[in-house]
Amino acid sequence: METTSKAITVETIVNAPIEKVWDSWSQPEHITKWCQASDDWHAPHAENDLRTGGNFSTTMAAKDGSFSFDFGGTYTDVQPYSLIAYGLGDGRKVSITFTKEIEGTKVTETFDPEETNPIEMQRGGWQAILDNFKKYTEAL
């Protein structure tokens, strides 16, 4: 994956087998349970066609109804249990790798930042979502 030199990386180790981690990451019924950065947000809808050339969309919304947006893109490379890469509508690129570790499955997410919000805010938001993913998947 080609990213800009300012690409941001977040990661975690999920104490679960790679197959469980992959399913939790990719199945819409799971995505809606973990895809939010804070408790006052949620993901009421998700669609996912996980294949190279397939599209995905997740609605992210404030629970009070004050704001929502669809986060989506097109997959550029899908290698089961190993790699998911996609492009966003604004041209940014994202890559997620899944690696077997002694402790479980390491999930590493690298993404091109957007130009509106500070880098640290973006890193914090993406890491918070990844932390929610870890917590949800380990509890399955």
N, C-alpha and C. Protein backbone atom coordinates (compact mmCIF):
# COMPACT_ATOMS: atom_id res chain seq x y z
N MET A 1 0.83 -1.18 0.00
CA MET A 1 0.00 0.00 0.00
C MET A 1 0.87 1.24 0.00
N GLU A 2 0.57 2.17 -0.86
CA GLU A 2 1.27 3.44 -0.85
C GLU A 2 0.49 4.41 0.01
N THR A 3 1.18 4.98 1.00
CA THR A 3 0.57 6.00 1.83
C THR A 3 1.48 7.21 1.80
N THR A 4 0.97 8.32 2.28
CA THR A 4 1.80 9.51 2.36
C THR A 4 2.82 9.31 3.47
N SER A 5 3.84 10.14 3.48
CA SER A 5 4.88 10.02 4.51
C SER A 5 4.33 10.32 5.90
N LYS A 6 3.18 10.95 5.97
CA LYS A 6 2.60 11.28 7.27
C LYS A 6 1.55 10.27 7.72
N ALA A 7 1.57 9.07 7.15
CA ALA A 7 0.60 8.04 7.52
C ALA A 7 0.67 7.77 9.03
N ILE A 8 -0.48 7.44 9.60
CA ILE A 8 -0.61 7.18 11.03
C ILE A 8 -0.83 5.68 11.23
N THR A 9 -0.21 5.12 12.26
CA THR A 9 -0.39 3.70 12.57
C THR A 9 -0.90 3.55 14.00
N VAL A 10 -1.93 2.70 14.15
CA VAL A 10 -2.42 2.30 15.47
C VAL A 10 -2.43 0.77 15.49
N GLU A 11 -2.31 0.19 16.68
CA GLU A 11 -2.29 -1.26 16.75
C GLU A 11 -2.72 -1.75 18.12
N THR A 12 -3.07 -3.03 18.15
CA THR A 12 -3.42 -3.70 19.40
C THR A 12 -3.19 -5.19 19.23
N ILE A 13 -3.13 -5.90 20.32
CA ILE A 13 -3.11 -7.36 20.28
C ILE A 13 -4.40 -7.85 20.92
N VAL A 14 -5.18 -8.60 20.15
CA VAL A 14 -6.44 -9.15 20.61
C VAL A 14 -6.20 -10.58 21.08
N ASN A 15 -6.61 -10.87 22.29
CA ASN A 15 -6.41 -12.20 22.86
C ASN A 15 -7.49 -13.14 22.30
N ALA A 16 -7.32 -13.49 21.03
CA ALA A 16 -8.28 -14.36 20.33
C ALA A 16 -7.61 -14.91 19.07
N PRO A 17 -8.09 -16.05 18.58
CA PRO A 17 -7.53 -16.61 17.34
C PRO A 17 -7.80 -15.69 16.15
N ILE A 18 -6.93 -15.76 15.17
CA ILE A 18 -7.02 -14.87 14.01
C ILE A 18 -8.35 -15.01 13.28
N GLU A 19 -8.93 -16.21 13.23
CA GLU A 19 -10.21 -16.41 12.54
C GLU A 19 -11.33 -15.63 13.23
N LYS A 20 -11.35 -15.65 14.55
CA LYS A 20 -12.36 -14.92 15.32
C LYS A 20 -12.17 -13.41 15.13
N VAL A 21 -10.92 -12.96 15.16
CA VAL A 21 -10.62 -11.54 14.97
C VAL A 21 -11.06 -11.09 13.58
N TRP A 22 -10.75 -11.87 12.57
CA TRP A 22 -11.12 -11.55 11.18
C TRP A 22 -12.65 -11.44 11.05
N ASP A 23 -13.37 -12.41 11.60
CA ASP A 23 -14.83 -12.40 11.52
C ASP A 23 -15.42 -11.19 12.24
N SER A 24 -14.90 -10.88 13.41
CA SER A 24 -15.40 -9.74 14.18
C SER A 24 -15.14 -8.43 13.44
N TRP A 25 -14.00 -8.35 12.75
CA TRP A 25 -13.65 -7.15 12.00
C TRP A 25 -14.52 -6.99 10.75
N SER A 26 -14.91 -8.09 10.14
CA SER A 26 -15.48 -8.01 8.79
C SER A 26 -16.98 -8.26 8.68
N GLN A 27 -17.63 -8.80 9.68
CA GLN A 27 -19.06 -9.11 9.58
C GLN A 27 -19.90 -7.96 10.13
N PRO A 28 -20.85 -7.46 9.31
CA PRO A 28 -21.64 -6.29 9.72
C PRO A 28 -22.30 -6.42 11.09
N GLU A 29 -22.77 -7.61 11.44
CA GLU A 29 -23.43 -7.77 12.75
C GLU A 29 -22.47 -7.55 13.90
N HIS A 30 -21.18 -7.70 13.66
CA HIS A 30 -20.17 -7.39 14.67
C HIS A 30 -19.73 -5.93 14.57
N ILE A 31 -19.53 -5.43 13.36
CA ILE A 31 -19.05 -4.06 13.16
C ILE A 31 -19.93 -3.07 13.92
N THR A 32 -21.24 -3.28 13.87
CA THR A 32 -22.16 -2.35 14.54
C THR A 32 -22.02 -2.37 16.06
N LYS A 33 -21.35 -3.37 16.60
CA LYS A 33 -21.19 -3.49 18.05
C LYS A 33 -19.92 -2.81 18.57
N TRP A 34 -18.91 -2.61 17.71
CA TRP A 34 -17.64 -2.07 18.19
C TRP A 34 -17.17 -0.79 17.51
N CYS A 35 -17.77 -0.39 16.41
CA CYS A 35 -17.22 0.70 15.59
C CYS A 35 -17.67 2.08 16.08
N GLN A 36 -17.12 2.48 17.23
CA GLN A 36 -17.32 3.83 17.74
C GLN A 36 -16.13 4.19 18.62
N ALA A 37 -15.85 5.49 18.68
CA ALA A 37 -14.68 5.94 19.45
C ALA A 37 -15.02 6.26 20.90
N SER A 38 -16.31 6.49 21.20
CA SER A 38 -16.71 6.81 22.57
C SER A 38 -18.12 6.30 22.83
N ASP A 39 -18.48 6.23 24.10
CA ASP A 39 -19.76 5.64 24.50
C ASP A 39 -20.97 6.45 24.04
N ASP A 40 -20.78 7.72 23.69
CA ASP A 40 -21.91 8.53 23.24
C ASP A 40 -22.13 8.44 21.73
N TRP A 41 -21.39 7.57 21.06
CA TRP A 41 -21.56 7.30 19.63
C TRP A 41 -21.90 5.83 19.45
N HIS A 42 -22.42 5.50 18.28
CA HIS A 42 -22.67 4.10 17.93
C HIS A 42 -22.64 3.96 16.41
N ALA A 43 -22.71 2.72 15.96
CA ALA A 43 -22.72 2.40 14.53
C ALA A 43 -24.01 1.64 14.24
N PRO A 44 -25.11 2.37 13.95
CA PRO A 44 -26.40 1.70 13.80
C PRO A 44 -26.54 0.85 12.54
N HIS A 45 -25.64 1.03 11.56
CA HIS A 45 -25.77 0.27 10.31
C HIS A 45 -24.40 0.03 9.70
N ALA A 46 -24.21 -1.18 9.16
CA ALA A 46 -22.97 -1.51 8.45
C ALA A 46 -23.28 -2.46 7.31
N GLU A 47 -22.60 -2.23 6.19
CA GLU A 47 -22.64 -3.12 5.03
C GLU A 47 -21.21 -3.42 4.65
N ASN A 48 -20.94 -4.66 4.23
CA ASN A 48 -19.57 -5.03 3.91
C ASN A 48 -19.51 -6.12 2.85
N ASP A 49 -18.92 -5.79 1.72
CA ASP A 49 -18.67 -6.74 0.64
C ASP A 49 -17.15 -6.95 0.61
N LEU A 50 -16.67 -7.82 1.51
CA LEU A 50 -15.24 -7.98 1.75
C LEU A 50 -14.57 -8.81 0.66
N ARG A 51 -14.20 -8.13 -0.40
CA ARG A 51 -13.44 -8.72 -1.51
C ARG A 51 -12.78 -7.57 -2.25
N THR A 52 -11.70 -7.88 -2.93
CA THR A 52 -11.05 -6.84 -3.73
C THR A 52 -12.06 -6.30 -4.74
N GLY A 53 -12.26 -4.99 -4.74
CA GLY A 53 -13.26 -4.35 -5.59
C GLY A 53 -14.60 -4.16 -4.90
N GLY A 54 -14.81 -4.80 -3.75
CA GLY A 54 -16.05 -4.66 -3.00
C GLY A 54 -16.10 -3.35 -2.23
N ASN A 55 -17.29 -2.96 -1.83
CA ASN A 55 -17.48 -1.72 -1.09
C ASN A 55 -17.94 -2.01 0.33
N PHE A 56 -17.73 -1.03 1.21
CA PHE A 56 -18.23 -1.11 2.57
C PHE A 56 -18.73 0.26 2.99
N SER A 57 -19.63 0.25 3.97
CA SER A 57 -20.13 1.50 4.54
C SER A 57 -20.60 1.23 5.96
N THR A 58 -20.19 2.08 6.87
CA THR A 58 -20.63 2.02 8.26
C THR A 58 -21.16 3.39 8.65
N THR A 59 -22.38 3.42 9.14
CA THR A 59 -22.94 4.67 9.64
C THR A 59 -22.46 4.87 11.06
N MET A 60 -21.83 5.99 11.31
CA MET A 60 -21.37 6.34 12.65
C MET A 60 -22.21 7.54 13.09
N ALA A 61 -22.80 7.44 14.29
CA ALA A 61 -23.75 8.46 14.72
C ALA A 61 -23.66 8.75 16.21
N ALA A 62 -23.89 10.01 16.55
CA ALA A 62 -24.03 10.39 17.96
C ALA A 62 -25.34 9.77 18.46
N LYS A 63 -25.31 9.19 19.64
CA LYS A 63 -26.51 8.54 20.19
C LYS A 63 -27.64 9.53 20.42
N ASP A 64 -27.32 10.81 20.62
CA ASP A 64 -28.37 11.80 20.83
C ASP A 64 -29.00 12.30 19.53
N GLY A 65 -28.54 11.75 18.40
CA GLY A 65 -29.11 12.11 17.11
C GLY A 65 -28.60 13.42 16.53
N SER A 66 -27.62 14.05 17.16
CA SER A 66 -27.16 15.36 16.73
C SER A 66 -26.28 15.33 15.48
N PHE A 67 -25.65 14.20 15.19
CA PHE A 67 -24.75 14.13 14.05
C PHE A 67 -24.55 12.68 13.64
N SER A 68 -24.40 12.46 12.33
CA SER A 68 -24.04 11.13 11.84
C SER A 68 -23.34 11.28 10.50
N PHE A 69 -22.58 10.26 10.14
CA PHE A 69 -21.93 10.23 8.84
C PHE A 69 -21.69 8.78 8.45
N ASP A 70 -21.53 8.57 7.15
CA ASP A 70 -21.21 7.24 6.64
C ASP A 70 -19.72 7.19 6.35
N PHE A 71 -19.06 6.19 6.92
CA PHE A 71 -17.64 5.94 6.68
C PHE A 71 -17.57 4.76 5.73
N GLY A 72 -17.01 4.97 4.54
CA GLY A 72 -17.00 3.88 3.58
C GLY A 72 -15.92 4.03 2.55
N GLY A 73 -15.77 2.98 1.74
CA GLY A 73 -14.77 2.99 0.70
C GLY A 73 -14.85 1.73 -0.13
N THR A 74 -13.78 1.52 -0.91
CA THR A 74 -13.68 0.37 -1.81
C THR A 74 -12.41 -0.40 -1.49
N TYR A 75 -12.55 -1.71 -1.35
CA TYR A 75 -11.40 -2.56 -1.06
C TYR A 75 -10.48 -2.66 -2.27
N THR A 76 -9.18 -2.45 -2.02
CA THR A 76 -8.18 -2.55 -3.08
C THR A 76 -7.38 -3.85 -2.99
N ASP A 77 -7.36 -4.47 -1.80
CA ASP A 77 -6.64 -5.73 -1.63
C ASP A 77 -7.19 -6.44 -0.39
N VAL A 78 -7.70 -7.65 -0.58
CA VAL A 78 -8.19 -8.45 0.54
C VAL A 78 -7.51 -9.81 0.48
N GLN A 79 -6.75 -10.12 1.52
CA GLN A 79 -6.09 -11.41 1.66
C GLN A 79 -6.58 -12.00 2.99
N PRO A 80 -7.49 -12.99 2.91
CA PRO A 80 -8.13 -13.51 4.12
C PRO A 80 -7.15 -13.83 5.24
N TYR A 81 -7.53 -13.40 6.44
CA TYR A 81 -6.78 -13.62 7.68
C TYR A 81 -5.40 -12.97 7.67
N SER A 82 -5.19 -12.00 6.77
CA SER A 82 -3.88 -11.39 6.66
C SER A 82 -3.93 -9.87 6.42
N LEU A 83 -4.67 -9.43 5.38
CA LEU A 83 -4.62 -8.03 4.97
C LEU A 83 -5.97 -7.56 4.43
N ILE A 84 -6.32 -6.34 4.82
CA ILE A 84 -7.44 -5.62 4.22
C ILE A 84 -6.92 -4.24 3.89
N ALA A 85 -7.00 -3.85 2.62
CA ALA A 85 -6.59 -2.51 2.20
C ALA A 85 -7.74 -1.89 1.44
N TYR A 86 -7.94 -0.59 1.64
CA TYR A 86 -9.03 0.09 0.94
C TYR A 86 -8.71 1.55 0.71
N GLY A 87 -9.46 2.11 -0.21
CA GLY A 87 -9.39 3.53 -0.48
C GLY A 87 -10.68 4.19 -0.04
N LEU A 88 -10.56 5.38 0.52
CA LEU A 88 -11.72 6.16 0.92
C LEU A 88 -12.12 7.08 -0.23
N GLY A 89 -13.33 7.60 -0.18
CA GLY A 89 -13.84 8.45 -1.24
C GLY A 89 -13.00 9.70 -1.50
N ASP A 90 -12.27 10.17 -0.47
CA ASP A 90 -11.45 11.37 -0.64
C ASP A 90 -10.03 11.05 -1.09
N GLY A 91 -9.76 9.77 -1.45
CA GLY A 91 -8.45 9.39 -1.97
C GLY A 91 -7.47 8.87 -0.93
N ARG A 92 -7.81 8.98 0.34
CA ARG A 92 -6.91 8.45 1.37
C ARG A 92 -6.90 6.93 1.33
N LYS A 93 -5.80 6.35 1.78
CA LYS A 93 -5.63 4.90 1.77
C LYS A 93 -5.49 4.39 3.19
N VAL A 94 -6.01 3.17 3.39
CA VAL A 94 -5.98 2.51 4.70
C VAL A 94 -5.54 1.06 4.49
N SER A 95 -4.74 0.55 5.42
CA SER A 95 -4.31 -0.85 5.38
C SER A 95 -4.40 -1.43 6.78
N ILE A 96 -4.98 -2.62 6.90
CA ILE A 96 -5.06 -3.33 8.17
C ILE A 96 -4.42 -4.69 7.99
N THR A 97 -3.45 -5.01 8.85
CA THR A 97 -2.83 -6.33 8.81
C THR A 97 -3.22 -7.10 10.07
N PHE A 98 -3.35 -8.40 9.90
CA PHE A 98 -3.68 -9.32 10.98
C PHE A 98 -2.54 -10.33 11.07
N THR A 99 -1.89 -10.39 12.24
CA THR A 99 -0.71 -11.24 12.39
C THR A 99 -0.86 -12.12 13.62
N LYS A 100 -0.63 -13.42 13.47
CA LYS A 100 -0.66 -14.33 14.62
C LYS A 100 0.53 -14.02 15.51
N GLU A 101 0.26 -13.90 16.81
CA GLU A 101 1.28 -13.67 17.82
C GLU A 101 1.06 -14.69 18.93
N ILE A 102 2.02 -14.85 19.80
CA ILE A 102 1.88 -15.77 20.92
C ILE A 102 0.69 -15.37 21.78
N GLU A 103 0.50 -14.06 21.98
CA GLU A 103 -0.57 -13.55 22.85
C GLU A 103 -1.94 -13.55 22.18
N GLY A 104 -1.99 -13.76 20.87
CA GLY A 104 -3.26 -13.69 20.14
C GLY A 104 -3.04 -13.19 18.74
N THR A 105 -3.81 -12.17 18.34
CA THR A 105 -3.73 -11.64 16.98
C THR A 105 -3.40 -10.15 17.04
N LYS A 106 -2.32 -9.78 16.39
CA LYS A 106 -1.95 -8.37 16.31
C LYS A 106 -2.68 -7.74 15.14
N VAL A 107 -3.38 -6.63 15.41
CA VAL A 107 -4.08 -5.88 14.38
C VAL A 107 -3.37 -4.54 14.26
N THR A 108 -2.84 -4.26 13.06
CA THR A 108 -2.13 -3.02 12.79
C THR A 108 -2.86 -2.27 11.69
N GLU A 109 -3.24 -1.05 11.99
CA GLU A 109 -4.01 -0.23 11.05
C GLU A 109 -3.18 1.01 10.70
N THR A 110 -2.93 1.20 9.42
CA THR A 110 -2.18 2.37 8.94
C THR A 110 -3.07 3.14 8.00
N PHE A 111 -3.16 4.46 8.22
CA PHE A 111 -4.07 5.26 7.41
C PHE A 111 -3.48 6.63 7.11
N ASP A 112 -3.86 7.16 5.96
CA ASP A 112 -3.51 8.52 5.60
C ASP A 112 -4.44 9.45 6.38
N PRO A 113 -3.89 10.47 7.04
CA PRO A 113 -4.74 11.38 7.80
C PRO A 113 -5.52 12.31 6.87
N GLU A 114 -6.64 12.82 7.40
CA GLU A 114 -7.36 13.85 6.66
C GLU A 114 -6.77 15.20 7.05
N GLU A 115 -7.18 16.24 6.34
CA GLU A 115 -6.54 17.54 6.52
C GLU A 115 -7.24 18.44 7.54
N THR A 116 -8.41 18.04 8.06
CA THR A 116 -9.21 18.93 8.91
C THR A 116 -8.79 18.89 10.38
N ASN A 117 -8.67 17.71 10.94
CA ASN A 117 -8.41 17.55 12.37
C ASN A 117 -6.94 17.30 12.67
N PRO A 118 -6.46 17.69 13.86
CA PRO A 118 -5.06 17.45 14.23
C PRO A 118 -4.71 15.96 14.19
N ILE A 119 -3.47 15.67 13.84
CA ILE A 119 -2.96 14.29 13.74
C ILE A 119 -3.22 13.52 15.03
N GLU A 120 -2.92 14.11 16.18
CA GLU A 120 -3.09 13.40 17.46
C GLU A 120 -4.56 13.07 17.72
N MET A 121 -5.47 13.95 17.31
CA MET A 121 -6.90 13.68 17.47
C MET A 121 -7.31 12.50 16.61
N GLN A 122 -6.80 12.46 15.37
CA GLN A 122 -7.12 11.34 14.47
C GLN A 122 -6.55 10.04 15.02
N ARG A 123 -5.29 10.06 15.45
CA ARG A 123 -4.67 8.86 16.01
C ARG A 123 -5.48 8.38 17.22
N GLY A 124 -5.86 9.31 18.10
CA GLY A 124 -6.63 8.96 19.29
C GLY A 124 -7.98 8.35 18.95
N GLY A 125 -8.67 8.91 17.97
CA GLY A 125 -9.98 8.39 17.57
C GLY A 125 -9.89 7.00 16.99
N TRP A 126 -8.94 6.80 16.07
CA TRP A 126 -8.79 5.47 15.45
C TRP A 126 -8.33 4.45 16.48
N GLN A 127 -7.45 4.86 17.42
CA GLN A 127 -7.01 3.93 18.47
C GLN A 127 -8.17 3.58 19.39
N ALA A 128 -9.02 4.54 19.70
CA ALA A 128 -10.18 4.27 20.57
C ALA A 128 -11.11 3.25 19.92
N ILE A 129 -11.34 3.38 18.62
CA ILE A 129 -12.17 2.40 17.91
C ILE A 129 -11.50 1.03 17.94
N LEU A 130 -10.20 0.99 17.71
CA LEU A 130 -9.47 -0.28 17.75
C LEU A 130 -9.52 -0.89 19.16
N ASP A 131 -9.43 -0.06 20.18
CA ASP A 131 -9.54 -0.56 21.56
C ASP A 131 -10.94 -1.13 21.82
N ASN A 132 -11.99 -0.48 21.29
CA ASN A 132 -13.35 -1.02 21.41
C ASN A 132 -13.46 -2.36 20.69
N PHE A 133 -12.82 -2.46 19.51
CA PHE A 133 -12.81 -3.71 18.76
C PHE A 133 -12.19 -4.83 19.61
N LYS A 134 -11.03 -4.56 20.21
CA LYS A 134 -10.34 -5.54 21.05
C LYS A 134 -11.25 -6.00 22.19
N LYS A 135 -11.83 -5.04 22.91
CA LYS A 135 -12.70 -5.35 24.05
C LYS A 135 -13.89 -6.19 23.61
N TYR A 136 -14.55 -5.79 22.53
CA TYR A 136 -15.72 -6.52 22.03
C TYR A 136 -15.34 -7.94 21.61
N THR A 137 -14.28 -8.07 20.82
CA THR A 137 -13.90 -9.38 20.27
C THR A 137 -13.46 -10.33 21.37
N GLU A 138 -12.72 -9.84 22.34
CA GLU A 138 -12.28 -10.72 23.44
C GLU A 138 -13.46 -11.20 24.28
N ALA A 139 -14.55 -10.43 24.32
CA ALA A 139 -15.72 -10.80 25.11
C ALA A 139 -16.67 -11.75 24.38
N LEU A 140 -16.47 -11.95 23.06
CA LEU A 140 -17.36 -12.82 22.28
C LEU A 140 -17.30 -14.26 22.77
